[in-house]
Each structure stands twice: as C-alpha cells, then as structure tokens.
Amino acid sequence: MNEAQMTSGTLAYSFGLGKAVVSTPYWHARELLADGRGILVPFGDAKSVGAEIAGLLTDDVRRRAMCKQAYSSSRSMTWERTAERYLAVLSGPGLHAPSR
C-alpha cells in the first residue's frame, strides 16, 4: 500500500457498515479514521496490526464505540446522500434538475 493511495473499497465498505477498522495511514484512511473512528498503524508493521486487532477483540466498549462512530459518520456518504448533493449542485443557479 502507498501513502498516496486515494481510497480503498474495503475501507469504505467496512466503514459504511459500521465496523471497527485498523488500517495503514494512507491519505484517505487518515481522514476517515480520525477522531476515534478507526485505528491507524504504521506501514509494514505487522506486530502493530496484530496488537491493535487483539486489543479491539478484548475491549468491547472501545470496539462498540468505534463501530458506532464509524456508522454515524458514514451516513453522509451513502449513495442516496451523494446523489442528493449532486442534484443540489446540478440544480444550482441557472441549472435545473431533471423532471420526474
């Protein structure tokens, strides 16, 4: 994995389902998992990955809180919300949304 990687389907899907996520700190992961929404570990550090996963498996309170934060944060990223934002942009001044 490369720090400049823009996104990951696995990260987006897991985050959207409200799962606890442990990731390397590539750009999108740093943004998405900030503020307790996930855990970042150094690139190539399998020991840290294992330790963080083991920690989550043994700390139900932390894991559940992380899952709850991920799920609630991801609601603005659903396809429905994304479509609504596109329609708002496309129907801005001088533009009209398609008729239904």
PDB file of N, CA and C in Angstrom:
ATOM      1  N   MET A   1       0.846  -1.161   0.000  1.00  0.00           N
ATOM      2  CA  MET A   1       0.000   0.000   0.000  1.00  0.00           C
ATOM      3  C   MET A   1       0.898   1.233   0.000  1.00  0.00           C
ATOM      4  N   ASN A   2       0.391   2.277  -0.603  1.00  0.00           N
ATOM      5  CA  ASN A   2       1.126   3.514  -0.767  1.00  0.00           C
ATOM      6  C   ASN A   2       0.414   4.637  -0.012  1.00  0.00           C
ATOM      7  N   GLU A   3       1.177   5.492   0.635  1.00  0.00           N
ATOM      8  CA  GLU A   3       0.582   6.593   1.394  1.00  0.00           C
ATOM      9  C   GLU A   3      -0.314   7.481   0.527  1.00  0.00           C
ATOM     10  N   ALA A   4       0.017   7.612  -0.751  1.00  0.00           N
ATOM     11  CA  ALA A   4      -0.747   8.484  -1.648  1.00  0.00           C
ATOM     12  C   ALA A   4      -1.983   7.805  -2.235  1.00  0.00           C
ATOM     13  N   GLN A   5      -2.256   6.566  -1.842  1.00  0.00           N
ATOM     14  CA  GLN A   5      -3.453   5.899  -2.341  1.00  0.00           C
ATOM     15  C   GLN A   5      -4.670   6.719  -1.958  1.00  0.00           C
ATOM     16  N   MET A   6      -5.545   6.924  -2.904  1.00  0.00           N
ATOM     17  CA  MET A   6      -6.694   7.798  -2.674  1.00  0.00           C
ATOM     18  C   MET A   6      -7.778   7.157  -1.816  1.00  0.00           C
ATOM     19  N   THR A   7      -8.098   5.914  -2.076  1.00  0.00           N
ATOM     20  CA  THR A   7      -9.160   5.272  -1.305  1.00  0.00           C
ATOM     21  C   THR A   7      -9.030   3.760  -1.401  1.00  0.00           C
ATOM     22  N   SER A   8      -9.895   3.084  -0.710  1.00  0.00           N
ATOM     23  CA  SER A   8      -9.932   1.629  -0.704  1.00  0.00           C
ATOM     24  C   SER A   8     -11.385   1.203  -0.591  1.00  0.00           C
ATOM     25  N   GLY A   9     -11.821   0.363  -1.486  1.00  0.00           N
ATOM     26  CA  GLY A   9     -13.183  -0.151  -1.411  1.00  0.00           C
ATOM     27  C   GLY A   9     -13.418  -0.906  -0.117  1.00  0.00           C
ATOM     28  N   THR A  10     -12.413  -1.648   0.320  1.00  0.00           N
ATOM     29  CA  THR A  10     -12.546  -2.410   1.564  1.00  0.00           C
ATOM     30  C   THR A  10     -12.739  -1.469   2.744  1.00  0.00           C
ATOM     31  N   LEU A  11     -11.964  -0.400   2.799  1.00  0.00           N
ATOM     32  CA  LEU A  11     -12.113   0.574   3.881  1.00  0.00           C
ATOM     33  C   LEU A  11     -13.488   1.228   3.827  1.00  0.00           C
ATOM     34  N   ALA A  12     -13.880   1.705   2.661  1.00  0.00           N
ATOM     35  CA  ALA A  12     -15.168   2.398   2.522  1.00  0.00           C
ATOM     36  C   ALA A  12     -16.329   1.474   2.884  1.00  0.00           C
ATOM     37  N   TYR A  13     -16.289   0.246   2.416  1.00  0.00           N
ATOM     38  CA  TYR A  13     -17.372  -0.705   2.677  1.00  0.00           C
ATOM     39  C   TYR A  13     -17.453  -1.042   4.165  1.00  0.00           C
ATOM     40  N   SER A  14     -16.320  -1.353   4.775  1.00  0.00           N
ATOM     41  CA  SER A  14     -16.290  -1.705   6.199  1.00  0.00           C
ATOM     42  C   SER A  14     -16.731  -0.536   7.063  1.00  0.00           C
ATOM     43  N   PHE A  15     -16.231   0.647   6.756  1.00  0.00           N
ATOM     44  CA  PHE A  15     -16.589   1.853   7.496  1.00  0.00           C
ATOM     45  C   PHE A  15     -18.083   2.121   7.375  1.00  0.00           C
ATOM     46  N   GLY A  16     -18.616   2.007   6.172  1.00  0.00           N
ATOM     47  CA  GLY A  16     -20.033   2.239   5.930  1.00  0.00           C
ATOM     48  C   GLY A  16     -20.937   1.255   6.656  1.00  0.00           C
ATOM     49  N   LEU A  17     -20.437   0.064   6.902  1.00  0.00           N
ATOM     50  CA  LEU A  17     -21.201  -0.933   7.651  1.00  0.00           C
ATOM     51  C   LEU A  17     -21.052  -0.748   9.157  1.00  0.00           C
ATOM     52  N   GLY A  18     -20.223   0.219   9.548  1.00  0.00           N
ATOM     53  CA  GLY A  18     -20.031   0.477  10.970  1.00  0.00           C
ATOM     54  C   GLY A  18     -19.154  -0.551  11.650  1.00  0.00           C
ATOM     55  N   LYS A  19     -18.133  -0.989  10.965  1.00  0.00           N
ATOM     56  CA  LYS A  19     -17.208  -1.967  11.539  1.00  0.00           C
ATOM     57  C   LYS A  19     -15.971  -1.269  12.095  1.00  0.00           C
ATOM     58  N   ALA A  20     -15.347  -1.862  13.082  1.00  0.00           N
ATOM     59  CA  ALA A  20     -14.086  -1.348  13.605  1.00  0.00           C
ATOM     60  C   ALA A  20     -13.015  -1.592  12.548  1.00  0.00           C
ATOM     61  N   VAL A  21     -12.226  -0.577  12.250  1.00  0.00           N
ATOM     62  CA  VAL A  21     -11.239  -0.672  11.173  1.00  0.00           C
ATOM     63  C   VAL A  21      -9.845  -0.366  11.693  1.00  0.00           C
ATOM     64  N   VAL A  22      -8.900  -1.214  11.303  1.00  0.00           N
ATOM     65  CA  VAL A  22      -7.476  -0.994  11.543  1.00  0.00           C
ATOM     66  C   VAL A  22      -6.851  -0.865  10.163  1.00  0.00           C
ATOM     67  N   SER A  23      -6.135   0.227   9.923  1.00  0.00           N
ATOM     68  CA  SER A  23      -5.600   0.491   8.585  1.00  0.00           C
ATOM     69  C   SER A  23      -4.223   1.128   8.667  1.00  0.00           C
ATOM     70  N   THR A  24      -3.506   1.040   7.567  1.00  0.00           N
ATOM     71  CA  THR A  24      -2.285   1.824   7.434  1.00  0.00           C
ATOM     72  C   THR A  24      -2.691   3.270   7.157  1.00  0.00           C
ATOM     73  N   PRO A  25      -1.805   4.217   7.415  1.00  0.00           N
ATOM     74  CA  PRO A  25      -2.181   5.634   7.340  1.00  0.00           C
ATOM     75  C   PRO A  25      -2.073   6.258   5.942  1.00  0.00           C
ATOM     76  N   TYR A  26      -2.686   5.620   4.959  1.00  0.00           N
ATOM     77  CA  TYR A  26      -2.705   6.301   3.659  1.00  0.00           C
ATOM     78  C   TYR A  26      -3.688   7.454   3.748  1.00  0.00           C
ATOM     79  N   TRP A  27      -3.640   8.377   2.797  1.00  0.00           N
ATOM     80  CA  TRP A  27      -4.334   9.663   2.915  1.00  0.00           C
ATOM     81  C   TRP A  27      -5.806   9.546   3.300  1.00  0.00           C
ATOM     82  N   HIS A  28      -6.562   8.745   2.567  1.00  0.00           N
ATOM     83  CA  HIS A  28      -7.993   8.654   2.845  1.00  0.00           C
ATOM     84  C   HIS A  28      -8.255   8.030   4.214  1.00  0.00           C
ATOM     85  N   ALA A  29      -7.488   7.034   4.578  1.00  0.00           N
ATOM     86  CA  ALA A  29      -7.664   6.384   5.878  1.00  0.00           C
ATOM     87  C   ALA A  29      -7.394   7.366   7.015  1.00  0.00           C
ATOM     88  N   ARG A  30      -6.375   8.200   6.864  1.00  0.00           N
ATOM     89  CA  ARG A  30      -6.083   9.190   7.922  1.00  0.00           C
ATOM     90  C   ARG A  30      -7.274  10.113   8.129  1.00  0.00           C
ATOM     91  N   GLU A  31      -7.899  10.526   7.042  1.00  0.00           N
ATOM     92  CA  GLU A  31      -9.057  11.418   7.152  1.00  0.00           C
ATOM     93  C   GLU A  31     -10.277  10.687   7.714  1.00  0.00           C
ATOM     94  N   LEU A  32     -10.564   9.524   7.144  1.00  0.00           N
ATOM     95  CA  LEU A  32     -11.772   8.789   7.509  1.00  0.00           C
ATOM     96  C   LEU A  32     -11.736   8.257   8.941  1.00  0.00           C
ATOM     97  N   LEU A  33     -10.580   7.817   9.384  1.00  0.00           N
ATOM     98  CA  LEU A  33     -10.475   7.155  10.684  1.00  0.00           C
ATOM     99  C   LEU A  33     -10.027   8.081  11.813  1.00  0.00           C
ATOM    100  N   ALA A  34      -9.969   9.373  11.558  1.00  0.00           N
ATOM    101  CA  ALA A  34      -9.566  10.336  12.585  1.00  0.00           C
ATOM    102  C   ALA A  34     -10.603  10.393  13.711  1.00  0.00           C
ATOM    103  N   ASP A  35     -10.222  10.964  14.788  1.00  0.00           N
ATOM    104  CA  ASP A  35     -11.127  11.233  15.912  1.00  0.00           C
ATOM    105  C   ASP A  35     -11.802   9.985  16.477  1.00  0.00           C
ATOM    106  N   GLY A  36     -11.062   8.877  16.525  1.00  0.00           N
ATOM    107  CA  GLY A  36     -11.580   7.666  17.141  1.00  0.00           C
ATOM    108  C   GLY A  36     -12.478   6.812  16.280  1.00  0.00           C
ATOM    109  N   ARG A  37     -12.579   7.138  14.983  1.00  0.00           N
ATOM    110  CA  ARG A  37     -13.442   6.347  14.098  1.00  0.00           C
ATOM    111  C   ARG A  37     -12.742   5.094  13.591  1.00  0.00           C
ATOM    112  N   GLY A  38     -11.485   4.938  13.900  1.00  0.00           N
ATOM    113  CA  GLY A  38     -10.717   3.775  13.482  1.00  0.00           C
ATOM    114  C   GLY A  38      -9.317   3.867  14.060  1.00  0.00           C
ATOM    115  N   ILE A  39      -8.483   2.914  13.693  1.00  0.00           N
ATOM    116  CA  ILE A  39      -7.114   2.862  14.226  1.00  0.00           C
ATOM    117  C   ILE A  39      -6.138   2.838  13.058  1.00  0.00           C
ATOM    118  N   LEU A  40      -5.090   3.643  13.156  1.00  0.00           N
ATOM    119  CA  LEU A  40      -4.037   3.674  12.145  1.00  0.00           C
ATOM    120  C   LEU A  40      -2.777   3.033  12.711  1.00  0.00           C
ATOM    121  N   VAL A  41      -2.135   2.222  11.877  1.00  0.00           N
ATOM    122  CA  VAL A  41      -0.881   1.573  12.258  1.00  0.00           C
ATOM    123  C   VAL A  41       0.154   1.860  11.170  1.00  0.00           C
ATOM    124  N   PRO A  42       1.432   1.856  11.514  1.00  0.00           N
ATOM    125  CA  PRO A  42       2.468   2.156  10.529  1.00  0.00           C
ATOM    126  C   PRO A  42       2.495   1.130   9.385  1.00  0.00           C
ATOM    127  N   PHE A  43       2.910   1.595   8.214  1.00  0.00           N
ATOM    128  CA  PHE A  43       3.093   0.706   7.068  1.00  0.00           C
ATOM    129  C   PHE A  43       4.102  -0.380   7.429  1.00  0.00           C
ATOM    130  N   GLY A  44       3.815  -1.609   7.037  1.00  0.00           N
ATOM    131  CA  GLY A  44       4.747  -2.719   7.208  1.00  0.00           C
ATOM    132  C   GLY A  44       4.955  -3.176   8.637  1.00  0.00           C
ATOM    133  N   ASP A  45       4.107  -2.786   9.543  1.00  0.00           N
ATOM    134  CA  ASP A  45       4.277  -3.132  10.953  1.00  0.00           C
ATOM    135  C   ASP A  45       3.214  -4.150  11.370  1.00  0.00           C
ATOM    136  N   ALA A  46       3.458  -5.402  11.019  1.00  0.00           N
ATOM    137  CA  ALA A  46       2.502  -6.474  11.306  1.00  0.00           C
ATOM    138  C   ALA A  46       2.269  -6.632  12.809  1.00  0.00           C
ATOM    139  N   LYS A  47       3.284  -6.374  13.612  1.00  0.00           N
ATOM    140  CA  LYS A  47       3.141  -6.504  15.066  1.00  0.00           C
ATOM    141  C   LYS A  47       2.106  -5.492  15.579  1.00  0.00           C
ATOM    142  N   SER A  48       2.145  -4.279  15.070  1.00  0.00           N
ATOM    143  CA  SER A  48       1.166  -3.262  15.487  1.00  0.00           C
ATOM    144  C   SER A  48      -0.238  -3.619  15.032  1.00  0.00           C
ATOM    145  N   VAL A  49      -0.355  -4.136  13.818  1.00  0.00           N
ATOM    146  CA  VAL A  49      -1.669  -4.548  13.311  1.00  0.00           C
ATOM    147  C   VAL A  49      -2.251  -5.608  14.239  1.00  0.00           C
ATOM    148  N   GLY A  50      -1.449  -6.626  14.548  1.00  0.00           N
ATOM    149  CA  GLY A  50      -1.905  -7.700  15.428  1.00  0.00           C
ATOM    150  C   GLY A  50      -2.280  -7.199  16.813  1.00  0.00           C
ATOM    151  N   ALA A  51      -1.460  -6.312  17.354  1.00  0.00           N
ATOM    152  CA  ALA A  51      -1.727  -5.788  18.697  1.00  0.00           C
ATOM    153  C   ALA A  51      -3.023  -4.976  18.726  1.00  0.00           C
ATOM    154  N   GLU A  52      -3.240  -4.173  17.704  1.00  0.00           N
ATOM    155  CA  GLU A  52      -4.466  -3.351  17.662  1.00  0.00           C
ATOM    156  C   GLU A  52      -5.714  -4.213  17.479  1.00  0.00           C
ATOM    157  N   ILE A  53      -5.624  -5.224  16.631  1.00  0.00           N
ATOM    158  CA  ILE A  53      -6.770  -6.124  16.429  1.00  0.00           C
ATOM    159  C   ILE A  53      -7.058  -6.895  17.716  1.00  0.00           C
ATOM    160  N   ALA A  54      -6.010  -7.415  18.343  1.00  0.00           N
ATOM    161  CA  ALA A  54      -6.194  -8.138  19.614  1.00  0.00           C
ATOM    162  C   ALA A  54      -6.801  -7.212  20.663  1.00  0.00           C
ATOM    163  N   GLY A  55      -6.361  -5.969  20.689  1.00  0.00           N
ATOM    164  CA  GLY A  55      -6.910  -5.013  21.638  1.00  0.00           C
ATOM    165  C   GLY A  55      -8.393  -4.773  21.415  1.00  0.00           C
ATOM    166  N   LEU A  56      -8.787  -4.659  20.159  1.00  0.00           N
ATOM    167  CA  LEU A  56     -10.209  -4.460  19.854  1.00  0.00           C
ATOM    168  C   LEU A  56     -11.048  -5.681  20.209  1.00  0.00           C
ATOM    169  N   LEU A  57     -10.484  -6.852  19.992  1.00  0.00           N
ATOM    170  CA  LEU A  57     -11.224  -8.084  20.294  1.00  0.00           C
ATOM    171  C   LEU A  57     -11.431  -8.284  21.790  1.00  0.00           C
ATOM    172  N   THR A  58     -10.588  -7.651  22.593  1.00  0.00           N
ATOM    173  CA  THR A  58     -10.707  -7.823  24.040  1.00  0.00           C
ATOM    174  C   THR A  58     -11.289  -6.589  24.741  1.00  0.00           C
ATOM    175  N   ASP A  59     -11.603  -5.560  23.998  1.00  0.00           N
ATOM    176  CA  ASP A  59     -12.154  -4.337  24.590  1.00  0.00           C
ATOM    177  C   ASP A  59     -13.486  -4.018  23.902  1.00  0.00           C
ATOM    178  N   ASP A  60     -14.540  -4.656  24.394  1.00  0.00           N
ATOM    179  CA  ASP A  60     -15.862  -4.493  23.777  1.00  0.00           C
ATOM    180  C   ASP A  60     -16.335  -3.045  23.784  1.00  0.00           C
ATOM    181  N   VAL A  61     -16.076  -2.329  24.845  1.00  0.00           N
ATOM    182  CA  VAL A  61     -16.533  -0.944  24.955  1.00  0.00           C
ATOM    183  C   VAL A  61     -15.880  -0.086  23.871  1.00  0.00           C
ATOM    184  N   ARG A  62     -14.575  -0.191  23.739  1.00  0.00           N
ATOM    185  CA  ARG A  62     -13.859   0.588  22.710  1.00  0.00           C
ATOM    186  C   ARG A  62     -14.316   0.197  21.310  1.00  0.00           C
ATOM    187  N   ARG A  63     -14.409  -1.108  21.058  1.00  0.00           N
ATOM    188  CA  ARG A  63     -14.804  -1.590  19.735  1.00  0.00           C
ATOM    189  C   ARG A  63     -16.206  -1.109  19.369  1.00  0.00           C
ATOM    190  N   ARG A  64     -17.130  -1.225  20.295  1.00  0.00           N
ATOM    191  CA  ARG A  64     -18.509  -0.778  20.020  1.00  0.00           C
ATOM    192  C   ARG A  64     -18.584   0.725  19.793  1.00  0.00           C
ATOM    193  N   ALA A  65     -17.828   1.490  20.569  1.00  0.00           N
ATOM    194  CA  ALA A  65     -17.810   2.949  20.393  1.00  0.00           C
ATOM    195  C   ALA A  65     -17.254   3.301  19.017  1.00  0.00           C
ATOM    196  N   MET A  66     -16.201   2.605  18.607  1.00  0.00           N
ATOM    197  CA  MET A  66     -15.602   2.852  17.294  1.00  0.00           C
ATOM    198  C   MET A  66     -16.589   2.497  16.184  1.00  0.00           C
ATOM    199  N   CYS A  67     -17.277   1.388  16.330  1.00  0.00           N
ATOM    200  CA  CYS A  67     -18.270   0.971  15.337  1.00  0.00           C
ATOM    201  C   CYS A  67     -19.390   1.999  15.229  1.00  0.00           C
ATOM    202  N   LYS A  68     -19.855   2.473  16.363  1.00  0.00           N
ATOM    203  CA  LYS A  68     -20.932   3.460  16.378  1.00  0.00           C
ATOM    204  C   LYS A  68     -20.490   4.759  15.702  1.00  0.00           C
ATOM    205  N   GLN A  69     -19.277   5.210  16.002  1.00  0.00           N
ATOM    206  CA  GLN A  69     -18.761   6.428  15.375  1.00  0.00           C
ATOM    207  C   GLN A  69     -18.615   6.249  13.868  1.00  0.00           C
ATOM    208  N   ALA A  70     -18.098   5.110  13.447  1.00  0.00           N
ATOM    209  CA  ALA A  70     -17.917   4.858  12.015  1.00  0.00           C
ATOM    210  C   ALA A  70     -19.265   4.870  11.309  1.00  0.00           C
ATOM    211  N   TYR A  71     -20.223   4.176  11.866  1.00  0.00           N
ATOM    212  CA  TYR A  71     -21.536   4.092  11.216  1.00  0.00           C
ATOM    213  C   TYR A  71     -22.196   5.464  11.119  1.00  0.00           C
ATOM    214  N   SER A  72     -22.223   6.198  12.224  1.00  0.00           N
ATOM    215  CA  SER A  72     -22.896   7.501  12.187  1.00  0.00           C
ATOM    216  C   SER A  72     -22.165   8.480  11.272  1.00  0.00           C
ATOM    217  N   SER A  73     -20.849   8.410  11.221  1.00  0.00           N
ATOM    218  CA  SER A  73     -20.082   9.289  10.328  1.00  0.00           C
ATOM    219  C   SER A  73     -20.281   8.937   8.863  1.00  0.00           C
ATOM    220  N   SER A  74     -20.568   7.698   8.591  1.00  0.00           N
ATOM    221  CA  SER A  74     -20.682   7.251   7.194  1.00  0.00           C
ATOM    222  C   SER A  74     -22.047   7.550   6.575  1.00  0.00           C
ATOM    223  N   ARG A  75     -23.023   7.947   7.354  1.00  0.00           N
ATOM    224  CA  ARG A  75     -24.367   8.176   6.807  1.00  0.00           C
ATOM    225  C   ARG A  75     -24.376   9.270   5.737  1.00  0.00           C
ATOM    226  N   SER A  76     -23.499  10.242   5.842  1.00  0.00           N
ATOM    227  CA  SER A  76     -23.459  11.301   4.825  1.00  0.00           C
ATOM    228  C   SER A  76     -22.790  10.829   3.537  1.00  0.00           C
ATOM    229  N   MET A  77     -22.230   9.609   3.547  1.00  0.00           N
ATOM    230  CA  MET A  77     -21.506   9.094   2.386  1.00  0.00           C
ATOM    231  C   MET A  77     -22.283   8.038   1.615  1.00  0.00           C
ATOM    232  N   THR A  78     -23.523   7.786   1.993  1.00  0.00           N
ATOM    233  CA  THR A  78     -24.294   6.767   1.284  1.00  0.00           C
ATOM    234  C   THR A  78     -24.578   7.230  -0.141  1.00  0.00           C
ATOM    235  N   TRP A  79     -24.935   6.304  -1.006  1.00  0.00           N
ATOM    236  CA  TRP A  79     -25.232   6.663  -2.398  1.00  0.00           C
ATOM    237  C   TRP A  79     -26.401   7.647  -2.462  1.00  0.00           C
ATOM    238  N   GLU A  80     -27.378   7.462  -1.602  1.00  0.00           N
ATOM    239  CA  GLU A  80     -28.533   8.359  -1.603  1.00  0.00           C
ATOM    240  C   GLU A  80     -28.115   9.795  -1.257  1.00  0.00           C
ATOM    241  N   ARG A  81     -27.305   9.957  -0.208  1.00  0.00           N
ATOM    242  CA  ARG A  81     -26.844  11.303   0.179  1.00  0.00           C
ATOM    243  C   ARG A  81     -25.943  11.899  -0.905  1.00  0.00           C
ATOM    244  N   THR A  82     -25.107  11.073  -1.507  1.00  0.00           N
ATOM    245  CA  THR A  82     -24.232  11.550  -2.582  1.00  0.00           C
ATOM    246  C   THR A  82     -25.060  12.030  -3.763  1.00  0.00           C
ATOM    247  N   ALA A  83     -26.073  11.281  -4.127  1.00  0.00           N
ATOM    248  CA  ALA A  83     -26.952  11.678  -5.239  1.00  0.00           C
ATOM    249  C   ALA A  83     -27.654  12.994  -4.925  1.00  0.00           C
ATOM    250  N   GLU A  84     -28.095  13.156  -3.693  1.00  0.00           N
ATOM    251  CA  GLU A  84     -28.753  14.405  -3.297  1.00  0.00           C
ATOM    252  C   GLU A  84     -27.808  15.592  -3.453  1.00  0.00           C
ATOM    253  N   ARG A  85     -26.542  15.414  -3.079  1.00  0.00           N
ATOM    254  CA  ARG A  85     -25.572  16.508  -3.216  1.00  0.00           C
ATOM    255  C   ARG A  85     -25.305  16.815  -4.686  1.00  0.00           C
ATOM    256  N   TYR A  86     -25.216  15.791  -5.524  1.00  0.00           N
ATOM    257  CA  TYR A  86     -25.043  16.025  -6.966  1.00  0.00           C
ATOM    258  C   TYR A  86     -26.236  16.788  -7.527  1.00  0.00           C
ATOM    259  N   LEU A  87     -27.440  16.383  -7.160  1.00  0.00           N
ATOM    260  CA  LEU A  87     -28.630  17.082  -7.651  1.00  0.00           C
ATOM    261  C   LEU A  87     -28.647  18.539  -7.207  1.00  0.00           C
ATOM    262  N   ALA A  88     -28.219  18.784  -5.976  1.00  0.00           N
ATOM    263  CA  ALA A  88     -28.179  20.162  -5.488  1.00  0.00           C
ATOM    264  C   ALA A  88     -27.204  21.002  -6.311  1.00  0.00           C
ATOM    265  N   VAL A  89     -26.060  20.430  -6.636  1.00  0.00           N
ATOM    266  CA  VAL A  89     -25.074  21.153  -7.458  1.00  0.00           C
ATOM    267  C   VAL A  89     -25.614  21.366  -8.859  1.00  0.00           C
ATOM    268  N   LEU A  90     -26.181  20.312  -9.433  1.00  0.00           N
ATOM    269  CA  LEU A  90     -26.658  20.386 -10.811  1.00  0.00           C
ATOM    270  C   LEU A  90     -27.914  21.229 -10.967  1.00  0.00           C
ATOM    271  N   SER A  91     -28.625  21.454  -9.889  1.00  0.00           N
ATOM    272  CA  SER A  91     -29.827  22.279  -9.990  1.00  0.00           C
ATOM    273  C   SER A  91     -29.594  23.668  -9.393  1.00  0.00           C
ATOM    274  N   GLY A  92     -28.339  24.047  -9.265  1.00  0.00           N
ATOM    275  CA  GLY A  92     -27.984  25.361  -8.736  1.00  0.00           C
ATOM    276  C   GLY A  92     -28.417  26.468  -9.682  1.00  0.00           C
ATOM    277  N   PRO A  93     -27.983  27.675  -9.428  1.00  0.00           N
ATOM    278  CA  PRO A  93     -28.373  28.833 -10.244  1.00  0.00           C
ATOM    279  C   PRO A  93     -28.167  28.578 -11.736  1.00  0.00           C
ATOM    280  N   GLY A  94     -29.232  28.777 -12.494  1.00  0.00           N
ATOM    281  CA  GLY A  94     -29.149  28.615 -13.955  1.00  0.00           C
ATOM    282  C   GLY A  94     -29.270  27.178 -14.436  1.00  0.00           C
ATOM    283  N   LEU A  95     -29.322  26.233 -13.511  1.00  0.00           N
ATOM    284  CA  LEU A  95     -29.444  24.831 -13.891  1.00  0.00           C
ATOM    285  C   LEU A  95     -30.729  24.275 -13.304  1.00  0.00           C
ATOM    286  N   HIS A  96     -31.248  23.254 -13.938  1.00  0.00           N
ATOM    287  CA  HIS A  96     -32.497  22.671 -13.463  1.00  0.00           C
ATOM    288  C   HIS A  96     -32.339  21.158 -13.337  1.00  0.00           C
ATOM    289  N   ALA A  97     -32.902  20.612 -12.272  1.00  0.00           N
ATOM    290  CA  ALA A  97     -32.898  19.167 -12.096  1.00  0.00           C
ATOM    291  C   ALA A  97     -33.821  18.543 -13.115  1.00  0.00           C
ATOM    292  N   PRO A  98     -33.546  17.314 -13.543  1.00  0.00           N
ATOM    293  CA  PRO A  98     -34.422  16.645 -14.500  1.00  0.00           C
ATOM    294  C   PRO A  98     -35.827  16.498 -13.951  1.00  0.00           C
ATOM    295  N   SER A  99     -36.799  16.596 -14.822  1.00  0.00           N
ATOM    296  CA  SER A  99     -38.203  16.407 -14.411  1.00  0.00           C
ATOM    297  C   SER A  99     -38.447  14.950 -14.127  1.00  0.00           C
ATOM    298  N   ARG A 100     -39.352  14.711 -13.203  1.00  0.00           N
ATOM    299  CA  ARG A 100     -39.683  13.314 -12.859  1.00  0.00           C
ATOM    300  C   ARG A 100     -41.034  12.950 -13.390  1.00  0.00           C
TER     301      ARG A 100
END
